[in-house]
Amino acid sequence: MGNWDNALRKSIMFVGIASIMYLLIIAFIENYEPNELMLLLVSYGTGYFFISFVGWILIGLPTHYLLSKFTNASYLYYLAVIVVLSLIYWSFSNTGSALFFGLFAVIQVLIFRYYVYKKT
């Protein structure tokens, strides 16, 4: 199953840092007040890390286990799972949130897949 604990931390942290940097750029462009910026960062950061952690525990790690056990665990299988889950979410929700969460999931899973089997 590879080095999944280190890969999990890196996938959540890299995407989280990149998305928070994006929020900071948008906040400075639109001249947010300092208290609005802090509220945005705290609420977004808390929500992002909670959703990422719960998503990995409930979906990501069991899927990784099954893909490692029954397939060659190529990138294509990981991406196929994300696409199917995003389409299922899209059928129950709106397009914007499905694409938003799907994009973050794709980036996280690509980083995870890279680091989980990386030879050190």
PDB file of N, CA and C in Angstrom:
ATOM      1  N   MET A   1       0.811  -1.204   0.000  1.00  0.00           N
ATOM      2  CA  MET A   1       0.000   0.000   0.000  1.00  0.00           C
ATOM      3  C   MET A   1       0.848   1.258   0.000  1.00  0.00           C
ATOM      4  N   GLY A   2       2.131   1.124   0.108  1.00  0.00           N
ATOM      5  CA  GLY A   2       2.983   2.298   0.006  1.00  0.00           C
ATOM      6  C   GLY A   2       3.039   3.104   1.293  1.00  0.00           C
ATOM      7  N   ASN A   3       3.646   4.257   1.215  1.00  0.00           N
ATOM      8  CA  ASN A   3       3.815   5.165   2.345  1.00  0.00           C
ATOM      9  C   ASN A   3       2.610   6.114   2.404  1.00  0.00           C
ATOM     10  N   TRP A   4       1.458   5.587   2.760  1.00  0.00           N
ATOM     11  CA  TRP A   4       0.215   6.343   2.628  1.00  0.00           C
ATOM     12  C   TRP A   4       0.065   7.456   3.650  1.00  0.00           C
ATOM     13  N   ASP A   5       0.597   7.315   4.847  1.00  0.00           N
ATOM     14  CA  ASP A   5       0.409   8.367   5.856  1.00  0.00           C
ATOM     15  C   ASP A   5       1.149   9.648   5.477  1.00  0.00           C
ATOM     16  N   ASN A   6       2.371   9.526   4.997  1.00  0.00           N
ATOM     17  CA  ASN A   6       3.121  10.701   4.557  1.00  0.00           C
ATOM     18  C   ASN A   6       2.483  11.301   3.303  1.00  0.00           C
ATOM     19  N   ALA A   7       2.058  10.457   2.380  1.00  0.00           N
ATOM     20  CA  ALA A   7       1.423  10.927   1.149  1.00  0.00           C
ATOM     21  C   ALA A   7       0.107  11.635   1.447  1.00  0.00           C
ATOM     22  N   LEU A   8      -0.628  11.155   2.413  1.00  0.00           N
ATOM     23  CA  LEU A   8      -1.899  11.776   2.791  1.00  0.00           C
ATOM     24  C   LEU A   8      -1.675  13.179   3.347  1.00  0.00           C
ATOM     25  N   ARG A   9      -0.702  13.321   4.229  1.00  0.00           N
ATOM     26  CA  ARG A   9      -0.390  14.641   4.780  1.00  0.00           C
ATOM     27  C   ARG A   9       0.027  15.614   3.685  1.00  0.00           C
ATOM     28  N   LYS A  10       0.885  15.161   2.800  1.00  0.00           N
ATOM     29  CA  LYS A  10       1.369  16.040   1.732  1.00  0.00           C
ATOM     30  C   LYS A  10       0.249  16.440   0.787  1.00  0.00           C
ATOM     31  N   SER A  11      -0.625  15.511   0.443  1.00  0.00           N
ATOM     32  CA  SER A  11      -1.697  15.846  -0.501  1.00  0.00           C
ATOM     33  C   SER A  11      -2.656  16.866   0.093  1.00  0.00           C
ATOM     34  N   ILE A  12      -2.997  16.730   1.343  1.00  0.00           N
ATOM     35  CA  ILE A  12      -3.893  17.693   1.984  1.00  0.00           C
ATOM     36  C   ILE A  12      -3.200  19.032   2.186  1.00  0.00           C
ATOM     37  N   MET A  13      -1.963  19.012   2.620  1.00  0.00           N
ATOM     38  CA  MET A  13      -1.258  20.263   2.915  1.00  0.00           C
ATOM     39  C   MET A  13      -0.928  21.058   1.643  1.00  0.00           C
ATOM     40  N   PHE A  14      -0.440  20.414   0.605  1.00  0.00           N
ATOM     41  CA  PHE A  14      -0.066  21.142  -0.609  1.00  0.00           C
ATOM     42  C   PHE A  14      -1.263  21.842  -1.233  1.00  0.00           C
ATOM     43  N   VAL A  15      -2.370  21.126  -1.350  1.00  0.00           N
ATOM     44  CA  VAL A  15      -3.567  21.725  -1.940  1.00  0.00           C
ATOM     45  C   VAL A  15      -4.133  22.791  -1.002  1.00  0.00           C
ATOM     46  N   GLY A  16      -4.089  22.560   0.295  1.00  0.00           N
ATOM     47  CA  GLY A  16      -4.575  23.547   1.255  1.00  0.00           C
ATOM     48  C   GLY A  16      -3.773  24.835   1.213  1.00  0.00           C
ATOM     49  N   ILE A  17      -2.464  24.720   1.158  1.00  0.00           N
ATOM     50  CA  ILE A  17      -1.619  25.909   1.098  1.00  0.00           C
ATOM     51  C   ILE A  17      -1.845  26.665  -0.205  1.00  0.00           C
ATOM     52  N   ALA A  18      -1.938  25.944  -1.314  1.00  0.00           N
ATOM     53  CA  ALA A  18      -2.174  26.602  -2.605  1.00  0.00           C
ATOM     54  C   ALA A  18      -3.518  27.317  -2.631  1.00  0.00           C
ATOM     55  N   SER A  19      -4.553  26.686  -2.089  1.00  0.00           N
ATOM     56  CA  SER A  19      -5.872  27.326  -2.107  1.00  0.00           C
ATOM     57  C   SER A  19      -5.941  28.513  -1.152  1.00  0.00           C
ATOM     58  N   ILE A  20      -5.248  28.456  -0.035  1.00  0.00           N
ATOM     59  CA  ILE A  20      -5.212  29.594   0.885  1.00  0.00           C
ATOM     60  C   ILE A  20      -4.426  30.754   0.267  1.00  0.00           C
ATOM     61  N   MET A  21      -3.367  30.442  -0.457  1.00  0.00           N
ATOM     62  CA  MET A  21      -2.628  31.507  -1.149  1.00  0.00           C
ATOM     63  C   MET A  21      -3.512  32.162  -2.210  1.00  0.00           C
ATOM     64  N   TYR A  22      -4.312  31.373  -2.904  1.00  0.00           N
ATOM     65  CA  TYR A  22      -5.252  31.917  -3.882  1.00  0.00           C
ATOM     66  C   TYR A  22      -6.260  32.838  -3.195  1.00  0.00           C
ATOM     67  N   LEU A  23      -6.782  32.411  -2.050  1.00  0.00           N
ATOM     68  CA  LEU A  23      -7.710  33.258  -1.300  1.00  0.00           C
ATOM     69  C   LEU A  23      -7.059  34.559  -0.861  1.00  0.00           C
ATOM     70  N   LEU A  24      -5.808  34.511  -0.440  1.00  0.00           N
ATOM     71  CA  LEU A  24      -5.101  35.728  -0.038  1.00  0.00           C
ATOM     72  C   LEU A  24      -4.950  36.696  -1.206  1.00  0.00           C
ATOM     73  N   ILE A  25      -4.632  36.177  -2.373  1.00  0.00           N
ATOM     74  CA  ILE A  25      -4.501  37.037  -3.559  1.00  0.00           C
ATOM     75  C   ILE A  25      -5.832  37.691  -3.883  1.00  0.00           C
ATOM     76  N   ILE A  26      -6.905  36.917  -3.879  1.00  0.00           N
ATOM     77  CA  ILE A  26      -8.235  37.463  -4.155  1.00  0.00           C
ATOM     78  C   ILE A  26      -8.620  38.494  -3.100  1.00  0.00           C
ATOM     79  N   ALA A  27      -8.304  38.221  -1.837  1.00  0.00           N
ATOM     80  CA  ALA A  27      -8.643  39.149  -0.760  1.00  0.00           C
ATOM     81  C   ALA A  27      -7.893  40.469  -0.911  1.00  0.00           C
ATOM     82  N   PHE A  28      -6.643  40.425  -1.320  1.00  0.00           N
ATOM     83  CA  PHE A  28      -5.885  41.665  -1.506  1.00  0.00           C
ATOM     84  C   PHE A  28      -6.351  42.421  -2.743  1.00  0.00           C
ATOM     85  N   ILE A  29      -6.736  41.710  -3.785  1.00  0.00           N
ATOM     86  CA  ILE A  29      -7.241  42.370  -4.994  1.00  0.00           C
ATOM     87  C   ILE A  29      -8.553  43.093  -4.698  1.00  0.00           C
ATOM     88  N   GLU A  30      -9.411  42.459  -3.916  1.00  0.00           N
ATOM     89  CA  GLU A  30     -10.730  43.034  -3.630  1.00  0.00           C
ATOM     90  C   GLU A  30     -10.752  43.864  -2.346  1.00  0.00           C
ATOM     91  N   ASN A  31      -9.602  44.134  -1.766  1.00  0.00           N
ATOM     92  CA  ASN A  31      -9.460  44.997  -0.588  1.00  0.00           C
ATOM     93  C   ASN A  31     -10.339  44.569   0.584  1.00  0.00           C
ATOM     94  N   TYR A  32     -10.188  43.326   1.008  1.00  0.00           N
ATOM     95  CA  TYR A  32     -10.912  42.865   2.190  1.00  0.00           C
ATOM     96  C   TYR A  32     -10.393  43.582   3.428  1.00  0.00           C
ATOM     97  N   GLU A  33     -11.262  43.811   4.371  1.00  0.00           N
ATOM     98  CA  GLU A  33     -10.853  44.329   5.673  1.00  0.00           C
ATOM     99  C   GLU A  33     -10.111  43.222   6.426  1.00  0.00           C
ATOM    100  N   PRO A  34      -9.222  43.580   7.348  1.00  0.00           N
ATOM    101  CA  PRO A  34      -8.460  42.547   8.073  1.00  0.00           C
ATOM    102  C   PRO A  34      -9.341  41.554   8.817  1.00  0.00           C
ATOM    103  N   ASN A  35     -10.431  42.023   9.429  1.00  0.00           N
ATOM    104  CA  ASN A  35     -11.293  41.093  10.157  1.00  0.00           C
ATOM    105  C   ASN A  35     -12.046  40.164   9.193  1.00  0.00           C
ATOM    106  N   GLU A  36     -12.410  40.659   8.016  1.00  0.00           N
ATOM    107  CA  GLU A  36     -13.050  39.805   7.014  1.00  0.00           C
ATOM    108  C   GLU A  36     -12.068  38.757   6.493  1.00  0.00           C
ATOM    109  N   LEU A  37     -10.837  39.177   6.295  1.00  0.00           N
ATOM    110  CA  LEU A  37      -9.817  38.263   5.810  1.00  0.00           C
ATOM    111  C   LEU A  37      -9.543  37.151   6.816  1.00  0.00           C
ATOM    112  N   MET A  38      -9.431  37.505   8.081  1.00  0.00           N
ATOM    113  CA  MET A  38      -9.184  36.492   9.111  1.00  0.00           C
ATOM    114  C   MET A  38     -10.353  35.520   9.233  1.00  0.00           C
ATOM    115  N   LEU A  39     -11.571  36.056   9.181  1.00  0.00           N
ATOM    116  CA  LEU A  39     -12.747  35.192   9.243  1.00  0.00           C
ATOM    117  C   LEU A  39     -12.787  34.245   8.044  1.00  0.00           C
ATOM    118  N   LEU A  40     -12.486  34.765   6.863  1.00  0.00           N
ATOM    119  CA  LEU A  40     -12.459  33.951   5.656  1.00  0.00           C
ATOM    120  C   LEU A  40     -11.415  32.848   5.765  1.00  0.00           C
ATOM    121  N   LEU A  41     -10.213  33.193   6.194  1.00  0.00           N
ATOM    122  CA  LEU A  41      -9.143  32.202   6.282  1.00  0.00           C
ATOM    123  C   LEU A  41      -9.428  31.137   7.327  1.00  0.00           C
ATOM    124  N   VAL A  42      -9.935  31.537   8.476  1.00  0.00           N
ATOM    125  CA  VAL A  42     -10.222  30.569   9.538  1.00  0.00           C
ATOM    126  C   VAL A  42     -11.368  29.645   9.138  1.00  0.00           C
ATOM    127  N   SER A  43     -12.440  30.214   8.615  1.00  0.00           N
ATOM    128  CA  SER A  43     -13.583  29.374   8.244  1.00  0.00           C
ATOM    129  C   SER A  43     -13.252  28.481   7.049  1.00  0.00           C
ATOM    130  N   TYR A  44     -12.567  29.022   6.046  1.00  0.00           N
ATOM    131  CA  TYR A  44     -12.191  28.208   4.896  1.00  0.00           C
ATOM    132  C   TYR A  44     -11.198  27.126   5.295  1.00  0.00           C
ATOM    133  N   GLY A  45     -10.169  27.493   6.041  1.00  0.00           N
ATOM    134  CA  GLY A  45      -9.158  26.520   6.439  1.00  0.00           C
ATOM    135  C   GLY A  45      -9.732  25.392   7.267  1.00  0.00           C
ATOM    136  N   THR A  46     -10.592  25.737   8.214  1.00  0.00           N
ATOM    137  CA  THR A  46     -11.218  24.714   9.047  1.00  0.00           C
ATOM    138  C   THR A  46     -12.097  23.796   8.203  1.00  0.00           C
ATOM    139  N   GLY A  47     -12.909  24.378   7.364  1.00  0.00           N
ATOM    140  CA  GLY A  47     -13.782  23.574   6.511  1.00  0.00           C
ATOM    141  C   GLY A  47     -13.004  22.708   5.541  1.00  0.00           C
ATOM    142  N   TYR A  48     -11.977  23.269   4.923  1.00  0.00           N
ATOM    143  CA  TYR A  48     -11.171  22.511   3.968  1.00  0.00           C
ATOM    144  C   TYR A  48     -10.517  21.310   4.629  1.00  0.00           C
ATOM    145  N   PHE A  49      -9.837  21.532   5.750  1.00  0.00           N
ATOM    146  CA  PHE A  49      -9.144  20.422   6.397  1.00  0.00           C
ATOM    147  C   PHE A  49     -10.117  19.383   6.930  1.00  0.00           C
ATOM    148  N   PHE A  50     -11.267  19.805   7.433  1.00  0.00           N
ATOM    149  CA  PHE A  50     -12.256  18.848   7.916  1.00  0.00           C
ATOM    150  C   PHE A  50     -12.807  18.007   6.765  1.00  0.00           C
ATOM    151  N   ILE A  51     -13.216  18.655   5.688  1.00  0.00           N
ATOM    152  CA  ILE A  51     -13.780  17.926   4.543  1.00  0.00           C
ATOM    153  C   ILE A  51     -12.729  17.009   3.922  1.00  0.00           C
ATOM    154  N   SER A  52     -11.492  17.489   3.810  1.00  0.00           N
ATOM    155  CA  SER A  52     -10.428  16.657   3.245  1.00  0.00           C
ATOM    156  C   SER A  52     -10.159  15.436   4.111  1.00  0.00           C
ATOM    157  N   PHE A  53     -10.051  15.647   5.408  1.00  0.00           N
ATOM    158  CA  PHE A  53      -9.760  14.531   6.314  1.00  0.00           C
ATOM    159  C   PHE A  53     -10.894  13.505   6.300  1.00  0.00           C
ATOM    160  N   VAL A  54     -12.117  13.968   6.415  1.00  0.00           N
ATOM    161  CA  VAL A  54     -13.258  13.047   6.417  1.00  0.00           C
ATOM    162  C   VAL A  54     -13.375  12.338   5.068  1.00  0.00           C
ATOM    163  N   GLY A  55     -13.145  13.059   3.986  1.00  0.00           N
ATOM    164  CA  GLY A  55     -13.194  12.445   2.662  1.00  0.00           C
ATOM    165  C   GLY A  55     -12.150  11.362   2.483  1.00  0.00           C
ATOM    166  N   TRP A  56     -10.950  11.616   2.985  1.00  0.00           N
ATOM    167  CA  TRP A  56      -9.916  10.594   2.872  1.00  0.00           C
ATOM    168  C   TRP A  56     -10.222   9.383   3.747  1.00  0.00           C
ATOM    169  N   ILE A  57     -10.744   9.617   4.939  1.00  0.00           N
ATOM    170  CA  ILE A  57     -11.045   8.496   5.837  1.00  0.00           C
ATOM    171  C   ILE A  57     -12.197   7.648   5.292  1.00  0.00           C
ATOM    172  N   LEU A  58     -13.258   8.301   4.819  1.00  0.00           N
ATOM    173  CA  LEU A  58     -14.441   7.560   4.378  1.00  0.00           C
ATOM    174  C   LEU A  58     -14.331   7.022   2.952  1.00  0.00           C
ATOM    175  N   ILE A  59     -13.660   7.739   2.073  1.00  0.00           N
ATOM    176  CA  ILE A  59     -13.631   7.345   0.663  1.00  0.00           C
ATOM    177  C   ILE A  59     -12.217   7.048   0.176  1.00  0.00           C
ATOM    178  N   GLY A  60     -11.292   7.955   0.426  1.00  0.00           N
ATOM    179  CA  GLY A  60      -9.959   7.866  -0.166  1.00  0.00           C
ATOM    180  C   GLY A  60      -9.135   6.663   0.260  1.00  0.00           C
ATOM    181  N   LEU A  61      -9.003   6.441   1.550  1.00  0.00           N
ATOM    182  CA  LEU A  61      -8.165   5.338   2.009  1.00  0.00           C
ATOM    183  C   LEU A  61      -8.772   3.965   1.712  1.00  0.00           C
ATOM    184  N   PRO A  62     -10.088   3.766   1.895  1.00  0.00           N
ATOM    185  CA  PRO A  62     -10.643   2.472   1.463  1.00  0.00           C
ATOM    186  C   PRO A  62     -10.490   2.236  -0.043  1.00  0.00           C
ATOM    187  N   THR A  63     -10.664   3.293  -0.828  1.00  0.00           N
ATOM    188  CA  THR A  63     -10.483   3.169  -2.275  1.00  0.00           C
ATOM    189  C   THR A  63      -9.032   2.856  -2.608  1.00  0.00           C
ATOM    190  N   HIS A  64      -8.106   3.528  -1.938  1.00  0.00           N
ATOM    191  CA  HIS A  64      -6.682   3.254  -2.157  1.00  0.00           C
ATOM    192  C   HIS A  64      -6.364   1.801  -1.818  1.00  0.00           C
ATOM    193  N   TYR A  65      -6.909   1.310  -0.730  1.00  0.00           N
ATOM    194  CA  TYR A  65      -6.675  -0.087  -0.349  1.00  0.00           C
ATOM    195  C   TYR A  65      -7.182  -1.041  -1.426  1.00  0.00           C
ATOM    196  N   LEU A  66      -8.402  -0.802  -1.902  1.00  0.00           N
ATOM    197  CA  LEU A  66      -8.972  -1.681  -2.928  1.00  0.00           C
ATOM    198  C   LEU A  66      -8.195  -1.585  -4.244  1.00  0.00           C
ATOM    199  N   LEU A  67      -7.812  -0.381  -4.634  1.00  0.00           N
ATOM    200  CA  LEU A  67      -7.041  -0.233  -5.866  1.00  0.00           C
ATOM    201  C   LEU A  67      -5.665  -0.889  -5.751  1.00  0.00           C
ATOM    202  N   SER A  68      -5.057  -0.800  -4.585  1.00  0.00           N
ATOM    203  CA  SER A  68      -3.754  -1.433  -4.389  1.00  0.00           C
ATOM    204  C   SER A  68      -3.862  -2.951  -4.375  1.00  0.00           C
ATOM    205  N   LYS A  69      -4.957  -3.443  -3.846  1.00  0.00           N
ATOM    206  CA  LYS A  69      -5.123  -4.896  -3.711  1.00  0.00           C
ATOM    207  C   LYS A  69      -5.534  -5.557  -5.021  1.00  0.00           C
ATOM    208  N   PHE A  70      -6.430  -4.916  -5.785  1.00  0.00           N
ATOM    209  CA  PHE A  70      -7.016  -5.590  -6.940  1.00  0.00           C
ATOM    210  C   PHE A  70      -6.573  -5.050  -8.297  1.00  0.00           C
ATOM    211  N   THR A  71      -5.813  -3.961  -8.345  1.00  0.00           N
ATOM    212  CA  THR A  71      -5.341  -3.411  -9.616  1.00  0.00           C
ATOM    213  C   THR A  71      -3.855  -3.099  -9.499  1.00  0.00           C
ATOM    214  N   ASN A  72      -3.312  -2.545 -10.572  1.00  0.00           N
ATOM    215  CA  ASN A  72      -1.912  -2.127 -10.520  1.00  0.00           C
ATOM    216  C   ASN A  72      -1.760  -0.721  -9.951  1.00  0.00           C
ATOM    217  N   ALA A  73      -2.845  -0.113  -9.498  1.00  0.00           N
ATOM    218  CA  ALA A  73      -2.870   1.205  -8.836  1.00  0.00           C
ATOM    219  C   ALA A  73      -2.290   2.301  -9.720  1.00  0.00           C
ATOM    220  N   SER A  74      -2.666   2.299 -10.984  1.00  0.00           N
ATOM    221  CA  SER A  74      -2.182   3.354 -11.871  1.00  0.00           C
ATOM    222  C   SER A  74      -2.986   4.632 -11.634  1.00  0.00           C
ATOM    223  N   TYR A  75      -2.462   5.726 -12.140  1.00  0.00           N
ATOM    224  CA  TYR A  75      -3.128   7.018 -12.001  1.00  0.00           C
ATOM    225  C   TYR A  75      -4.522   6.986 -12.604  1.00  0.00           C
ATOM    226  N   LEU A  76      -4.698   6.241 -13.669  1.00  0.00           N
ATOM    227  CA  LEU A  76      -5.980   6.185 -14.367  1.00  0.00           C
ATOM    228  C   LEU A  76      -7.102   5.679 -13.459  1.00  0.00           C
ATOM    229  N   TYR A  77      -6.824   4.675 -12.644  1.00  0.00           N
ATOM    230  CA  TYR A  77      -7.844   4.155 -11.727  1.00  0.00           C
ATOM    231  C   TYR A  77      -8.234   5.192 -10.681  1.00  0.00           C
ATOM    232  N   TYR A  78      -7.256   5.887 -10.157  1.00  0.00           N
ATOM    233  CA  TYR A  78      -7.547   6.920  -9.168  1.00  0.00           C
ATOM    234  C   TYR A  78      -8.401   8.035  -9.770  1.00  0.00           C
ATOM    235  N   LEU A  79      -8.047   8.460 -10.983  1.00  0.00           N
ATOM    236  CA  LEU A  79      -8.818   9.507 -11.649  1.00  0.00           C
ATOM    237  C   LEU A  79     -10.223   9.031 -11.987  1.00  0.00           C
ATOM    238  N   ALA A  80     -10.360   7.772 -12.373  1.00  0.00           N
ATOM    239  CA  ALA A  80     -11.685   7.240 -12.699  1.00  0.00           C
ATOM    240  C   ALA A  80     -12.601   7.258 -11.479  1.00  0.00           C
ATOM    241  N   VAL A  81     -12.067   6.945 -10.324  1.00  0.00           N
ATOM    242  CA  VAL A  81     -12.871   6.979  -9.097  1.00  0.00           C
ATOM    243  C   VAL A  81     -13.338   8.409  -8.808  1.00  0.00           C
ATOM    244  N   ILE A  82     -12.455   9.380  -8.951  1.00  0.00           N
ATOM    245  CA  ILE A  82     -12.814  10.778  -8.703  1.00  0.00           C
ATOM    246  C   ILE A  82     -13.876  11.247  -9.690  1.00  0.00           C
ATOM    247  N   VAL A  83     -13.730  10.881 -10.955  1.00  0.00           N
ATOM    248  CA  VAL A  83     -14.712  11.294 -11.965  1.00  0.00           C
ATOM    249  C   VAL A  83     -16.079  10.694 -11.648  1.00  0.00           C
ATOM    250  N   VAL A  84     -16.122   9.424 -11.293  1.00  0.00           N
ATOM    251  CA  VAL A  84     -17.399   8.781 -10.965  1.00  0.00           C
ATOM    252  C   VAL A  84     -18.029   9.427  -9.739  1.00  0.00           C
ATOM    253  N   LEU A  85     -17.242   9.670  -8.699  1.00  0.00           N
ATOM    254  CA  LEU A  85     -17.780  10.292  -7.497  1.00  0.00           C
ATOM    255  C   LEU A  85     -18.250  11.718  -7.766  1.00  0.00           C
ATOM    256  N   SER A  86     -17.516  12.459  -8.592  1.00  0.00           N
ATOM    257  CA  SER A  86     -17.938  13.817  -8.937  1.00  0.00           C
ATOM    258  C   SER A  86     -19.231  13.812  -9.739  1.00  0.00           C
ATOM    259  N   LEU A  87     -19.382  12.853 -10.648  1.00  0.00           N
ATOM    260  CA  LEU A  87     -20.628  12.750 -11.413  1.00  0.00           C
ATOM    261  C   LEU A  87     -21.809  12.382 -10.518  1.00  0.00           C
ATOM    262  N   ILE A  88     -21.584  11.508  -9.562  1.00  0.00           N
ATOM    263  CA  ILE A  88     -22.643  11.166  -8.605  1.00  0.00           C
ATOM    264  C   ILE A  88     -23.019  12.395  -7.786  1.00  0.00           C
ATOM    265  N   TYR A  89     -22.008  13.123  -7.301  1.00  0.00           N
ATOM    266  CA  TYR A  89     -22.285  14.341  -6.537  1.00  0.00           C
ATOM    267  C   TYR A  89     -22.992  15.374  -7.394  1.00  0.00           C
ATOM    268  N   TRP A  90     -22.604  15.471  -8.654  1.00  0.00           N
ATOM    269  CA  TRP A  90     -23.204  16.415  -9.592  1.00  0.00           C
ATOM    270  C   TRP A  90     -24.686  16.113  -9.786  1.00  0.00           C
ATOM    271  N   SER A  91     -25.061  14.859  -9.766  1.00  0.00           N
ATOM    272  CA  SER A  91     -26.474  14.507  -9.966  1.00  0.00           C
ATOM    273  C   SER A  91     -27.337  14.914  -8.776  1.00  0.00           C
ATOM    274  N   PHE A  92     -26.750  15.045  -7.588  1.00  0.00           N
ATOM    275  CA  PHE A  92     -27.510  15.440  -6.406  1.00  0.00           C
ATOM    276  C   PHE A  92     -27.339  16.914  -6.045  1.00  0.00           C
ATOM    277  N   SER A  93     -26.376  17.575  -6.666  1.00  0.00           N
ATOM    278  CA  SER A  93     -26.056  18.948  -6.292  1.00  0.00           C
ATOM    279  C   SER A  93     -25.957  19.801  -7.550  1.00  0.00           C
ATOM    280  N   ASN A  94     -25.359  20.947  -7.419  1.00  0.00           N
ATOM    281  CA  ASN A  94     -25.196  21.802  -8.588  1.00  0.00           C
ATOM    282  C   ASN A  94     -23.821  21.611  -9.217  1.00  0.00           C
ATOM    283  N   THR A  95     -23.652  22.116 -10.403  1.00  0.00           N
ATOM    284  CA  THR A  95     -22.437  21.918 -11.173  1.00  0.00           C
ATOM    285  C   THR A  95     -21.227  22.573 -10.523  1.00  0.00           C
ATOM    286  N   GLY A  96     -21.401  23.777 -10.000  1.00  0.00           N
ATOM    287  CA  GLY A  96     -20.273  24.516  -9.440  1.00  0.00           C
ATOM    288  C   GLY A  96     -19.606  23.804  -8.282  1.00  0.00           C
ATOM    289  N   SER A  97     -20.383  23.338  -7.337  1.00  0.00           N
ATOM    290  CA  SER A  97     -19.767  22.675  -6.188  1.00  0.00           C
ATOM    291  C   SER A  97     -19.183  21.322  -6.566  1.00  0.00           C
ATOM    292  N   ALA A  98     -19.808  20.613  -7.503  1.00  0.00           N
ATOM    293  CA  ALA A  98     -19.249  19.333  -7.944  1.00  0.00           C
ATOM    294  C   ALA A  98     -17.905  19.539  -8.626  1.00  0.00           C
ATOM    295  N   LEU A  99     -17.805  20.568  -9.452  1.00  0.00           N
ATOM    296  CA  LEU A  99     -16.534  20.856 -10.110  1.00  0.00           C
ATOM    297  C   LEU A  99     -15.485  21.338  -9.111  1.00  0.00           C
ATOM    298  N   PHE A 100     -15.899  22.156  -8.139  1.00  0.00           N
ATOM    299  CA  PHE A 100     -14.995  22.669  -7.113  1.00  0.00           C
ATOM    300  C   PHE A 100     -14.396  21.525  -6.301  1.00  0.00           C
ATOM    301  N   PHE A 101     -15.265  20.688  -5.735  1.00  0.00           N
ATOM    302  CA  PHE A 101     -14.775  19.575  -4.918  1.00  0.00           C
ATOM    303  C   PHE A 101     -14.062  18.532  -5.772  1.00  0.00           C
ATOM    304  N   GLY A 102     -14.535  18.336  -6.995  1.00  0.00           N
ATOM    305  CA  GLY A 102     -13.881  17.388  -7.888  1.00  0.00           C
ATOM    306  C   GLY A 102     -12.472  17.825  -8.259  1.00  0.00           C
ATOM    307  N   LEU A 103     -12.285  19.124  -8.512  1.00  0.00           N
ATOM    308  CA  LEU A 103     -10.960  19.632  -8.841  1.00  0.00           C
ATOM    309  C   LEU A 103      -9.998  19.457  -7.673  1.00  0.00           C
ATOM    310  N   PHE A 104     -10.439  19.798  -6.476  1.00  0.00           N
ATOM    311  CA  PHE A 104      -9.578  19.624  -5.309  1.00  0.00           C
ATOM    312  C   PHE A 104      -9.263  18.149  -5.088  1.00  0.00           C
ATOM    313  N   ALA A 105     -10.259  17.287  -5.286  1.00  0.00           N
ATOM    314  CA  ALA A 105     -10.036  15.849  -5.107  1.00  0.00           C
ATOM    315  C   ALA A 105      -9.052  15.316  -6.132  1.00  0.00           C
ATOM    316  N   VAL A 106      -9.152  15.772  -7.383  1.00  0.00           N
ATOM    317  CA  VAL A 106      -8.220  15.310  -8.419  1.00  0.00           C
ATOM    318  C   VAL A 106      -6.795  15.720  -8.080  1.00  0.00           C
ATOM    319  N   ILE A 107      -6.602  16.953  -7.680  1.00  0.00           N
ATOM    320  CA  ILE A 107      -5.252  17.414  -7.353  1.00  0.00           C
ATOM    321  C   ILE A 107      -4.718  16.653  -6.140  1.00  0.00           C
ATOM    322  N   GLN A 108      -5.560  16.468  -5.132  1.00  0.00           N
ATOM    323  CA  GLN A 108      -5.117  15.722  -3.953  1.00  0.00           C
ATOM    324  C   GLN A 108      -4.761  14.285  -4.305  1.00  0.00           C
ATOM    325  N   VAL A 109      -5.575  13.646  -5.116  1.00  0.00           N
ATOM    326  CA  VAL A 109      -5.319  12.236  -5.423  1.00  0.00           C
ATOM    327  C   VAL A 109      -4.075  12.079  -6.298  1.00  0.00           C
ATOM    328  N   LEU A 110      -3.810  13.035  -7.190  1.00  0.00           N
ATOM    329  CA  LEU A 110      -2.590  12.954  -7.991  1.00  0.00           C
ATOM    330  C   LEU A 110      -1.349  13.114  -7.124  1.00  0.00           C
ATOM    331  N   ILE A 111      -1.396  14.049  -6.191  1.00  0.00           N
ATOM    332  CA  ILE A 111      -0.273  14.213  -5.261  1.00  0.00           C
ATOM    333  C   ILE A 111      -0.130  12.984  -4.374  1.00  0.00           C
ATOM    334  N   PHE A 112      -1.246  12.477  -3.877  1.00  0.00           N
ATOM    335  CA  PHE A 112      -1.224  11.280  -3.030  1.00  0.00           C
ATOM    336  C   PHE A 112      -0.626  10.103  -3.785  1.00  0.00           C
ATOM    337  N   ARG A 113      -1.103   9.868  -4.996  1.00  0.00           N
ATOM    338  CA  ARG A 113      -0.625   8.723  -5.786  1.00  0.00           C
ATOM    339  C   ARG A 113       0.865   8.849  -6.091  1.00  0.00           C
ATOM    340  N   TYR A 114       1.327  10.065  -6.341  1.00  0.00           N
ATOM    341  CA  TYR A 114       2.752  10.266  -6.606  1.00  0.00           C
ATOM    342  C   TYR A 114       3.589   9.916  -5.371  1.00  0.00           C
ATOM    343  N   TYR A 115       3.204  10.431  -4.215  1.00  0.00           N
ATOM    344  CA  TYR A 115       4.016  10.237  -3.007  1.00  0.00           C
ATOM    345  C   TYR A 115       3.822   8.879  -2.362  1.00  0.00           C
ATOM    346  N   VAL A 116       2.702   8.235  -2.585  1.00  0.00           N
ATOM    347  CA  VAL A 116       2.472   6.967  -1.902  1.00  0.00           C
ATOM    348  C   VAL A 116       3.410   5.865  -2.432  1.00  0.00           C
ATOM    349  N   TYR A 117       3.750   5.918  -3.694  1.00  0.00           N
ATOM    350  CA  TYR A 117       4.627   4.909  -4.270  1.00  0.00           C
ATOM    351  C   TYR A 117       5.984   5.473  -4.671  1.00  0.00           C
ATOM    352  N   LYS A 118       6.299   6.666  -4.220  1.00  0.00           N
ATOM    353  CA  LYS A 118       7.593   7.279  -4.546  1.00  0.00           C
ATOM    354  C   LYS A 118       8.708   6.504  -3.865  1.00  0.00           C
ATOM    355  N   LYS A 119       9.706   6.187  -4.638  1.00  0.00           N
ATOM    356  CA  LYS A 119      10.872   5.491  -4.099  1.00  0.00           C
ATOM    357  C   LYS A 119      11.801   6.501  -3.458  1.00  0.00           C
ATOM    358  N   THR A 120      12.168   6.270  -2.200  1.00  0.00           N
ATOM    359  CA  THR A 120      13.073   7.197  -1.510  1.00  0.00           C
ATOM    360  C   THR A 120      14.465   6.661  -1.390  1.00  0.00           C
TER     361      THR A 120
END
